Amino acid sequence: MSQSRKHSMLEALVNVLIGYGVALAAQMAIFPLFGIHVSLQDNIMIGLLFTVVSIVRSYALRRLFNRWHQYQHRHG
């Protein structure tokens, strides 16, 4: 039984949203170590943009692996 597209999207969103908080905190701690000084608002926007990219990546990979699994199941 394969995972539905809706379930794949939900899993990807939850995964990325939980990671967003960690990533935002990491940005705020790491950027200054490299001389990058960004306002909280800019950090939030940077994090949101990377989050969108991450959601698309996660969903696409999940669907690719699901398709691969279905192919393997059908063709032994």
PDB file of N, CA and C in Angstrom:
ATOM      1  N   MET A   1       0.852  -1.182   0.000  1.00  0.00           N
ATOM      2  CA  MET A   1       0.000   0.000   0.000  1.00  0.00           C
ATOM      3  C   MET A   1       0.893   1.238   0.000  1.00  0.00           C
ATOM      4  N   SER A   2       0.636   2.143  -0.919  1.00  0.00           N
ATOM      5  CA  SER A   2       1.487   3.323  -1.026  1.00  0.00           C
ATOM      6  C   SER A   2       0.887   4.511  -0.276  1.00  0.00           C
ATOM      7  N   GLN A   3       1.746   5.430   0.024  1.00  0.00           N
ATOM      8  CA  GLN A   3       1.338   6.634   0.722  1.00  0.00           C
ATOM      9  C   GLN A   3       0.646   7.579  -0.260  1.00  0.00           C
ATOM     10  N   SER A   4      -0.468   8.183   0.161  1.00  0.00           N
ATOM     11  CA  SER A   4      -1.182   9.117  -0.714  1.00  0.00           C
ATOM     12  C   SER A   4      -0.386  10.409  -0.882  1.00  0.00           C
ATOM     13  N   ARG A   5      -0.684  11.136  -1.941  1.00  0.00           N
ATOM     14  CA  ARG A   5      -0.019  12.423  -2.175  1.00  0.00           C
ATOM     15  C   ARG A   5      -0.312  13.393  -1.035  1.00  0.00           C
ATOM     16  N   LYS A   6      -1.541  13.381  -0.554  1.00  0.00           N
ATOM     17  CA  LYS A   6      -1.924  14.267   0.550  1.00  0.00           C
ATOM     18  C   LYS A   6      -1.103  13.947   1.801  1.00  0.00           C
ATOM     19  N   HIS A   7      -0.956  12.669   2.101  1.00  0.00           N
ATOM     20  CA  HIS A   7      -0.167  12.266   3.265  1.00  0.00           C
ATOM     21  C   HIS A   7       1.303  12.625   3.074  1.00  0.00           C
ATOM     22  N   SER A   8       1.803  12.458   1.847  1.00  0.00           N
ATOM     23  CA  SER A   8       3.190  12.842   1.555  1.00  0.00           C
ATOM     24  C   SER A   8       3.406  14.329   1.816  1.00  0.00           C
ATOM     25  N   MET A   9       2.467  15.156   1.356  1.00  0.00           N
ATOM     26  CA  MET A   9       2.583  16.601   1.546  1.00  0.00           C
ATOM     27  C   MET A   9       2.502  16.953   3.028  1.00  0.00           C
ATOM     28  N   LEU A  10       1.573  16.338   3.756  1.00  0.00           N
ATOM     29  CA  LEU A  10       1.444  16.616   5.181  1.00  0.00           C
ATOM     30  C   LEU A  10       2.723  16.257   5.926  1.00  0.00           C
ATOM     31  N   GLU A  11       3.273  15.090   5.636  1.00  0.00           N
ATOM     32  CA  GLU A  11       4.513  14.671   6.289  1.00  0.00           C
ATOM     33  C   GLU A  11       5.653  15.643   5.983  1.00  0.00           C
ATOM     34  N   ALA A  12       5.771  16.045   4.727  1.00  0.00           N
ATOM     35  CA  ALA A  12       6.828  16.987   4.343  1.00  0.00           C
ATOM     36  C   ALA A  12       6.646  18.325   5.051  1.00  0.00           C
ATOM     37  N   LEU A  13       5.420  18.821   5.119  1.00  0.00           N
ATOM     38  CA  LEU A  13       5.160  20.112   5.776  1.00  0.00           C
ATOM     39  C   LEU A  13       5.501  20.059   7.260  1.00  0.00           C
ATOM     40  N   VAL A  14       5.041  19.018   7.948  1.00  0.00           N
ATOM     41  CA  VAL A  14       5.325  18.905   9.388  1.00  0.00           C
ATOM     42  C   VAL A  14       6.825  18.819   9.619  1.00  0.00           C
ATOM     43  N   ASN A  15       7.504  18.012   8.827  1.00  0.00           N
ATOM     44  CA  ASN A  15       8.945  17.866   8.954  1.00  0.00           C
ATOM     45  C   ASN A  15       9.654  19.202   8.770  1.00  0.00           C
ATOM     46  N   VAL A  16       9.291  19.936   7.738  1.00  0.00           N
ATOM     47  CA  VAL A  16       9.968  21.190   7.428  1.00  0.00           C
ATOM     48  C   VAL A  16       9.607  22.270   8.449  1.00  0.00           C
ATOM     49  N   LEU A  17       8.361  22.321   8.875  1.00  0.00           N
ATOM     50  CA  LEU A  17       7.962  23.352   9.843  1.00  0.00           C
ATOM     51  C   LEU A  17       8.657  23.165  11.189  1.00  0.00           C
ATOM     52  N   ILE A  18       8.807  21.925  11.616  1.00  0.00           N
ATOM     53  CA  ILE A  18       9.545  21.675  12.857  1.00  0.00           C
ATOM     54  C   ILE A  18      11.010  22.082  12.669  1.00  0.00           C
ATOM     55  N   GLY A  19      11.566  21.737  11.519  1.00  0.00           N
ATOM     56  CA  GLY A  19      12.948  22.106  11.229  1.00  0.00           C
ATOM     57  C   GLY A  19      13.148  23.602  11.089  1.00  0.00           C
ATOM     58  N   TYR A  20      12.082  24.317  10.708  1.00  0.00           N
ATOM     59  CA  TYR A  20      12.190  25.772  10.524  1.00  0.00           C
ATOM     60  C   TYR A  20      12.649  26.471  11.803  1.00  0.00           C
ATOM     61  N   GLY A  21      12.070  26.106  12.916  1.00  0.00           N
ATOM     62  CA  GLY A  21      12.463  26.726  14.191  1.00  0.00           C
ATOM     63  C   GLY A  21      13.926  26.489  14.504  1.00  0.00           C
ATOM     64  N   VAL A  22      14.386  25.276  14.280  1.00  0.00           N
ATOM     65  CA  VAL A  22      15.793  24.944  14.520  1.00  0.00           C
ATOM     66  C   VAL A  22      16.686  25.727  13.553  1.00  0.00           C
ATOM     67  N   ALA A  23      16.275  25.773  12.287  1.00  0.00           N
ATOM     68  CA  ALA A  23      17.073  26.481  11.282  1.00  0.00           C
ATOM     69  C   ALA A  23      17.161  27.978  11.582  1.00  0.00           C
ATOM     70  N   LEU A  24      16.049  28.564  11.994  1.00  0.00           N
ATOM     71  CA  LEU A  24      16.035  29.991  12.311  1.00  0.00           C
ATOM     72  C   LEU A  24      16.991  30.291  13.469  1.00  0.00           C
ATOM     73  N   ALA A  25      16.925  29.467  14.505  1.00  0.00           N
ATOM     74  CA  ALA A  25      17.833  29.652  15.643  1.00  0.00           C
ATOM     75  C   ALA A  25      19.284  29.474  15.197  1.00  0.00           C
ATOM     76  N   ALA A  26      19.532  28.482  14.331  1.00  0.00           N
ATOM     77  CA  ALA A  26      20.895  28.239  13.839  1.00  0.00           C
ATOM     78  C   ALA A  26      21.394  29.433  13.020  1.00  0.00           C
ATOM     79  N   GLN A  27      20.537  29.969  12.137  1.00  0.00           N
ATOM     80  CA  GLN A  27      20.924  31.150  11.351  1.00  0.00           C
ATOM     81  C   GLN A  27      21.333  32.285  12.270  1.00  0.00           C
ATOM     82  N   MET A  28      20.510  32.524  13.283  1.00  0.00           N
ATOM     83  CA  MET A  28      20.766  33.652  14.175  1.00  0.00           C
ATOM     84  C   MET A  28      22.050  33.462  14.971  1.00  0.00           C
ATOM     85  N   ALA A  29      22.425  32.210  15.209  1.00  0.00           N
ATOM     86  CA  ALA A  29      23.663  31.941  15.943  1.00  0.00           C
ATOM     87  C   ALA A  29      24.878  31.895  15.020  1.00  0.00           C
ATOM     88  N   ILE A  30      24.711  31.362  13.810  1.00  0.00           N
ATOM     89  CA  ILE A  30      25.848  31.111  12.922  1.00  0.00           C
ATOM     90  C   ILE A  30      26.201  32.310  12.041  1.00  0.00           C
ATOM     91  N   PHE A  31      25.193  33.015  11.516  1.00  0.00           N
ATOM     92  CA  PHE A  31      25.478  34.153  10.629  1.00  0.00           C
ATOM     93  C   PHE A  31      26.485  35.131  11.242  1.00  0.00           C
ATOM     94  N   PRO A  32      26.290  35.555  12.497  1.00  0.00           N
ATOM     95  CA  PRO A  32      27.246  36.513  13.069  1.00  0.00           C
ATOM     96  C   PRO A  32      28.686  35.975  13.150  1.00  0.00           C
ATOM     97  N   LEU A  33      28.829  34.662  13.268  1.00  0.00           N
ATOM     98  CA  LEU A  33      30.177  34.080  13.306  1.00  0.00           C
ATOM     99  C   LEU A  33      30.923  34.304  11.996  1.00  0.00           C
ATOM    100  N   PHE A  34      30.175  34.533  10.918  1.00  0.00           N
ATOM    101  CA  PHE A  34      30.765  34.778   9.603  1.00  0.00           C
ATOM    102  C   PHE A  34      30.673  36.253   9.202  1.00  0.00           C
ATOM    103  N   GLY A  35      30.363  37.098  10.186  1.00  0.00           N
ATOM    104  CA  GLY A  35      30.291  38.523   9.920  1.00  0.00           C
ATOM    105  C   GLY A  35      29.022  38.943   9.188  1.00  0.00           C
ATOM    106  N   ILE A  36      28.020  38.089   9.189  1.00  0.00           N
ATOM    107  CA  ILE A  36      26.747  38.401   8.531  1.00  0.00           C
ATOM    108  C   ILE A  36      25.771  38.837   9.608  1.00  0.00           C
ATOM    109  N   HIS A  37      25.379  40.094   9.545  1.00  0.00           N
ATOM    110  CA  HIS A  37      24.469  40.634  10.551  1.00  0.00           C
ATOM    111  C   HIS A  37      23.145  40.961   9.876  1.00  0.00           C
ATOM    112  N   VAL A  38      22.127  40.225  10.281  1.00  0.00           N
ATOM    113  CA  VAL A  38      20.814  40.300   9.642  1.00  0.00           C
ATOM    114  C   VAL A  38      19.777  40.551  10.723  1.00  0.00           C
ATOM    115  N   SER A  39      18.795  41.399  10.406  1.00  0.00           N
ATOM    116  CA  SER A  39      17.726  41.676  11.364  1.00  0.00           C
ATOM    117  C   SER A  39      16.863  40.433  11.571  1.00  0.00           C
ATOM    118  N   LEU A  40      16.109  40.409  12.653  1.00  0.00           N
ATOM    119  CA  LEU A  40      15.201  39.295  12.924  1.00  0.00           C
ATOM    120  C   LEU A  40      14.220  39.121  11.772  1.00  0.00           C
ATOM    121  N   GLN A  41      13.671  40.229  11.267  1.00  0.00           N
ATOM    122  CA  GLN A  41      12.716  40.163  10.158  1.00  0.00           C
ATOM    123  C   GLN A  41      13.366  39.541   8.917  1.00  0.00           C
ATOM    124  N   ASP A  42      14.585  39.937   8.607  1.00  0.00           N
ATOM    125  CA  ASP A  42      15.283  39.357   7.448  1.00  0.00           C
ATOM    126  C   ASP A  42      15.608  37.883   7.680  1.00  0.00           C
ATOM    127  N   ASN A  43      15.992  37.520   8.912  1.00  0.00           N
ATOM    128  CA  ASN A  43      16.244  36.116   9.234  1.00  0.00           C
ATOM    129  C   ASN A  43      14.984  35.286   9.021  1.00  0.00           C
ATOM    130  N   ILE A  44      13.848  35.822   9.432  1.00  0.00           N
ATOM    131  CA  ILE A  44      12.572  35.126   9.255  1.00  0.00           C
ATOM    132  C   ILE A  44      12.276  34.930   7.774  1.00  0.00           C
ATOM    133  N   MET A  45      12.482  35.977   6.963  1.00  0.00           N
ATOM    134  CA  MET A  45      12.227  35.871   5.517  1.00  0.00           C
ATOM    135  C   MET A  45      13.188  34.885   4.841  1.00  0.00           C
ATOM    136  N   ILE A  46      14.455  34.946   5.192  1.00  0.00           N
ATOM    137  CA  ILE A  46      15.439  34.011   4.634  1.00  0.00           C
ATOM    138  C   ILE A  46      15.019  32.584   4.979  1.00  0.00           C
ATOM    139  N   GLY A  47      14.668  32.379   6.235  1.00  0.00           N
ATOM    140  CA  GLY A  47      14.223  31.052   6.676  1.00  0.00           C
ATOM    141  C   GLY A  47      12.982  30.586   5.943  1.00  0.00           C
ATOM    142  N   LEU A  48      12.029  31.493   5.724  1.00  0.00           N
ATOM    143  CA  LEU A  48      10.806  31.121   5.010  1.00  0.00           C
ATOM    144  C   LEU A  48      11.089  30.736   3.560  1.00  0.00           C
ATOM    145  N   LEU A  49      11.974  31.480   2.910  1.00  0.00           N
ATOM    146  CA  LEU A  49      12.329  31.149   1.524  1.00  0.00           C
ATOM    147  C   LEU A  49      12.990  29.771   1.432  1.00  0.00           C
ATOM    148  N   PHE A  50      13.907  29.499   2.344  1.00  0.00           N
ATOM    149  CA  PHE A  50      14.541  28.178   2.350  1.00  0.00           C
ATOM    150  C   PHE A  50      13.535  27.086   2.719  1.00  0.00           C
ATOM    151  N   THR A  51      12.561  27.429   3.537  1.00  0.00           N
ATOM    152  CA  THR A  51      11.522  26.471   3.904  1.00  0.00           C
ATOM    153  C   THR A  51      10.698  26.070   2.694  1.00  0.00           C
ATOM    154  N   VAL A  52      10.333  27.041   1.863  1.00  0.00           N
ATOM    155  CA  VAL A  52       9.578  26.733   0.642  1.00  0.00           C
ATOM    156  C   VAL A  52      10.391  25.792  -0.245  1.00  0.00           C
ATOM    157  N   VAL A  53      11.660  26.091  -0.419  1.00  0.00           N
ATOM    158  CA  VAL A  53      12.531  25.230  -1.230  1.00  0.00           C
ATOM    159  C   VAL A  53      12.580  23.824  -0.617  1.00  0.00           C
ATOM    160  N   SER A  54      12.687  23.749   0.687  1.00  0.00           N
ATOM    161  CA  SER A  54      12.768  22.465   1.370  1.00  0.00           C
ATOM    162  C   SER A  54      11.478  21.659   1.228  1.00  0.00           C
ATOM    163  N   ILE A  55      10.328  22.324   1.305  1.00  0.00           N
ATOM    164  CA  ILE A  55       9.051  21.633   1.146  1.00  0.00           C
ATOM    165  C   ILE A  55       8.954  21.022  -0.246  1.00  0.00           C
ATOM    166  N   VAL A  56       9.287  21.792  -1.258  1.00  0.00           N
ATOM    167  CA  VAL A  56       9.232  21.295  -2.637  1.00  0.00           C
ATOM    168  C   VAL A  56      10.187  20.115  -2.806  1.00  0.00           C
ATOM    169  N   ARG A  57      11.392  20.246  -2.290  1.00  0.00           N
ATOM    170  CA  ARG A  57      12.383  19.171  -2.386  1.00  0.00           C
ATOM    171  C   ARG A  57      11.906  17.904  -1.683  1.00  0.00           C
ATOM    172  N   SER A  58      11.415  18.060  -0.468  1.00  0.00           N
ATOM    173  CA  SER A  58      10.936  16.919   0.314  1.00  0.00           C
ATOM    174  C   SER A  58       9.785  16.206  -0.379  1.00  0.00           C
ATOM    175  N   TYR A  59       8.835  16.967  -0.862  1.00  0.00           N
ATOM    176  CA  TYR A  59       7.675  16.386  -1.530  1.00  0.00           C
ATOM    177  C   TYR A  59       8.089  15.663  -2.812  1.00  0.00           C
ATOM    178  N   ALA A  60       8.932  16.289  -3.605  1.00  0.00           N
ATOM    179  CA  ALA A  60       9.371  15.678  -4.861  1.00  0.00           C
ATOM    180  C   ALA A  60      10.135  14.376  -4.606  1.00  0.00           C
ATOM    181  N   LEU A  61      11.026  14.380  -3.632  1.00  0.00           N
ATOM    182  CA  LEU A  61      11.764  13.163  -3.310  1.00  0.00           C
ATOM    183  C   LEU A  61      10.842  12.070  -2.788  1.00  0.00           C
ATOM    184  N   ARG A  62       9.895  12.432  -1.955  1.00  0.00           N
ATOM    185  CA  ARG A  62       8.946  11.453  -1.426  1.00  0.00           C
ATOM    186  C   ARG A  62       8.175  10.803  -2.568  1.00  0.00           C
ATOM    187  N   ARG A  63       7.689  11.611  -3.513  1.00  0.00           N
ATOM    188  CA  ARG A  63       6.924  11.072  -4.641  1.00  0.00           C
ATOM    189  C   ARG A  63       7.814  10.213  -5.533  1.00  0.00           C
ATOM    190  N   LEU A  64       9.069  10.631  -5.747  1.00  0.00           N
ATOM    191  CA  LEU A  64      10.012   9.851  -6.549  1.00  0.00           C
ATOM    192  C   LEU A  64      10.252   8.484  -5.913  1.00  0.00           C
ATOM    193  N   PHE A  65      10.522   8.461  -4.622  1.00  0.00           N
ATOM    194  CA  PHE A  65      10.758   7.197  -3.939  1.00  0.00           C
ATOM    195  C   PHE A  65       9.503   6.337  -3.913  1.00  0.00           C
ATOM    196  N   ASN A  66       8.340   6.961  -3.775  1.00  0.00           N
ATOM    197  CA  ASN A  66       7.096   6.210  -3.799  1.00  0.00           C
ATOM    198  C   ASN A  66       6.896   5.561  -5.167  1.00  0.00           C
ATOM    199  N   ARG A  67       7.168   6.297  -6.237  1.00  0.00           N
ATOM    200  CA  ARG A  67       7.044   5.760  -7.593  1.00  0.00           C
ATOM    201  C   ARG A  67       8.051   4.628  -7.804  1.00  0.00           C
ATOM    202  N   TRP A  68       9.267   4.808  -7.312  1.00  0.00           N
ATOM    203  CA  TRP A  68      10.300   3.783  -7.433  1.00  0.00           C
ATOM    204  C   TRP A  68       9.872   2.512  -6.700  1.00  0.00           C
ATOM    205  N   HIS A  69       9.319   2.678  -5.505  1.00  0.00           N
ATOM    206  CA  HIS A  69       8.846   1.541  -4.720  1.00  0.00           C
ATOM    207  C   HIS A  69       7.734   0.807  -5.467  1.00  0.00           C
ATOM    208  N   GLN A  70       6.803   1.547  -6.058  1.00  0.00           N
ATOM    209  CA  GLN A  70       5.720   0.915  -6.812  1.00  0.00           C
ATOM    210  C   GLN A  70       6.275   0.152  -8.011  1.00  0.00           C
ATOM    211  N   TYR A  71       7.247   0.724  -8.706  1.00  0.00           N
ATOM    212  CA  TYR A  71       7.873   0.073  -9.855  1.00  0.00           C
ATOM    213  C   TYR A  71       8.544  -1.228  -9.407  1.00  0.00           C
ATOM    214  N   GLN A  72       9.289  -1.158  -8.317  1.00  0.00           N
ATOM    215  CA  GLN A  72       9.986  -2.337  -7.798  1.00  0.00           C
ATOM    216  C   GLN A  72       8.990  -3.431  -7.422  1.00  0.00           C
ATOM    217  N   HIS A  73       7.893  -3.032  -6.835  1.00  0.00           N
ATOM    218  CA  HIS A  73       6.871  -3.986  -6.402  1.00  0.00           C
ATOM    219  C   HIS A  73       6.239  -4.679  -7.618  1.00  0.00           C
ATOM    220  N   ARG A  74       5.982  -3.923  -8.679  1.00  0.00           N
ATOM    221  CA  ARG A  74       5.356  -4.482  -9.882  1.00  0.00           C
ATOM    222  C   ARG A  74       6.309  -5.365 -10.683  1.00  0.00           C
ATOM    223  N   HIS A  75       7.595  -5.008 -10.689  1.00  0.00           N
ATOM    224  CA  HIS A  75       8.559  -5.697 -11.554  1.00  0.00           C
ATOM    225  C   HIS A  75       9.511  -6.603 -10.776  1.00  0.00           C
ATOM    226  N   GLY A  76       9.122  -6.922  -9.563  1.00  0.00           N
ATOM    227  CA  GLY A  76       9.900  -7.893  -8.783  1.00  0.00           C
ATOM    228  C   GLY A  76      11.177  -7.372  -8.332  1.00  0.00           C
TER     229      GLY A  76
END
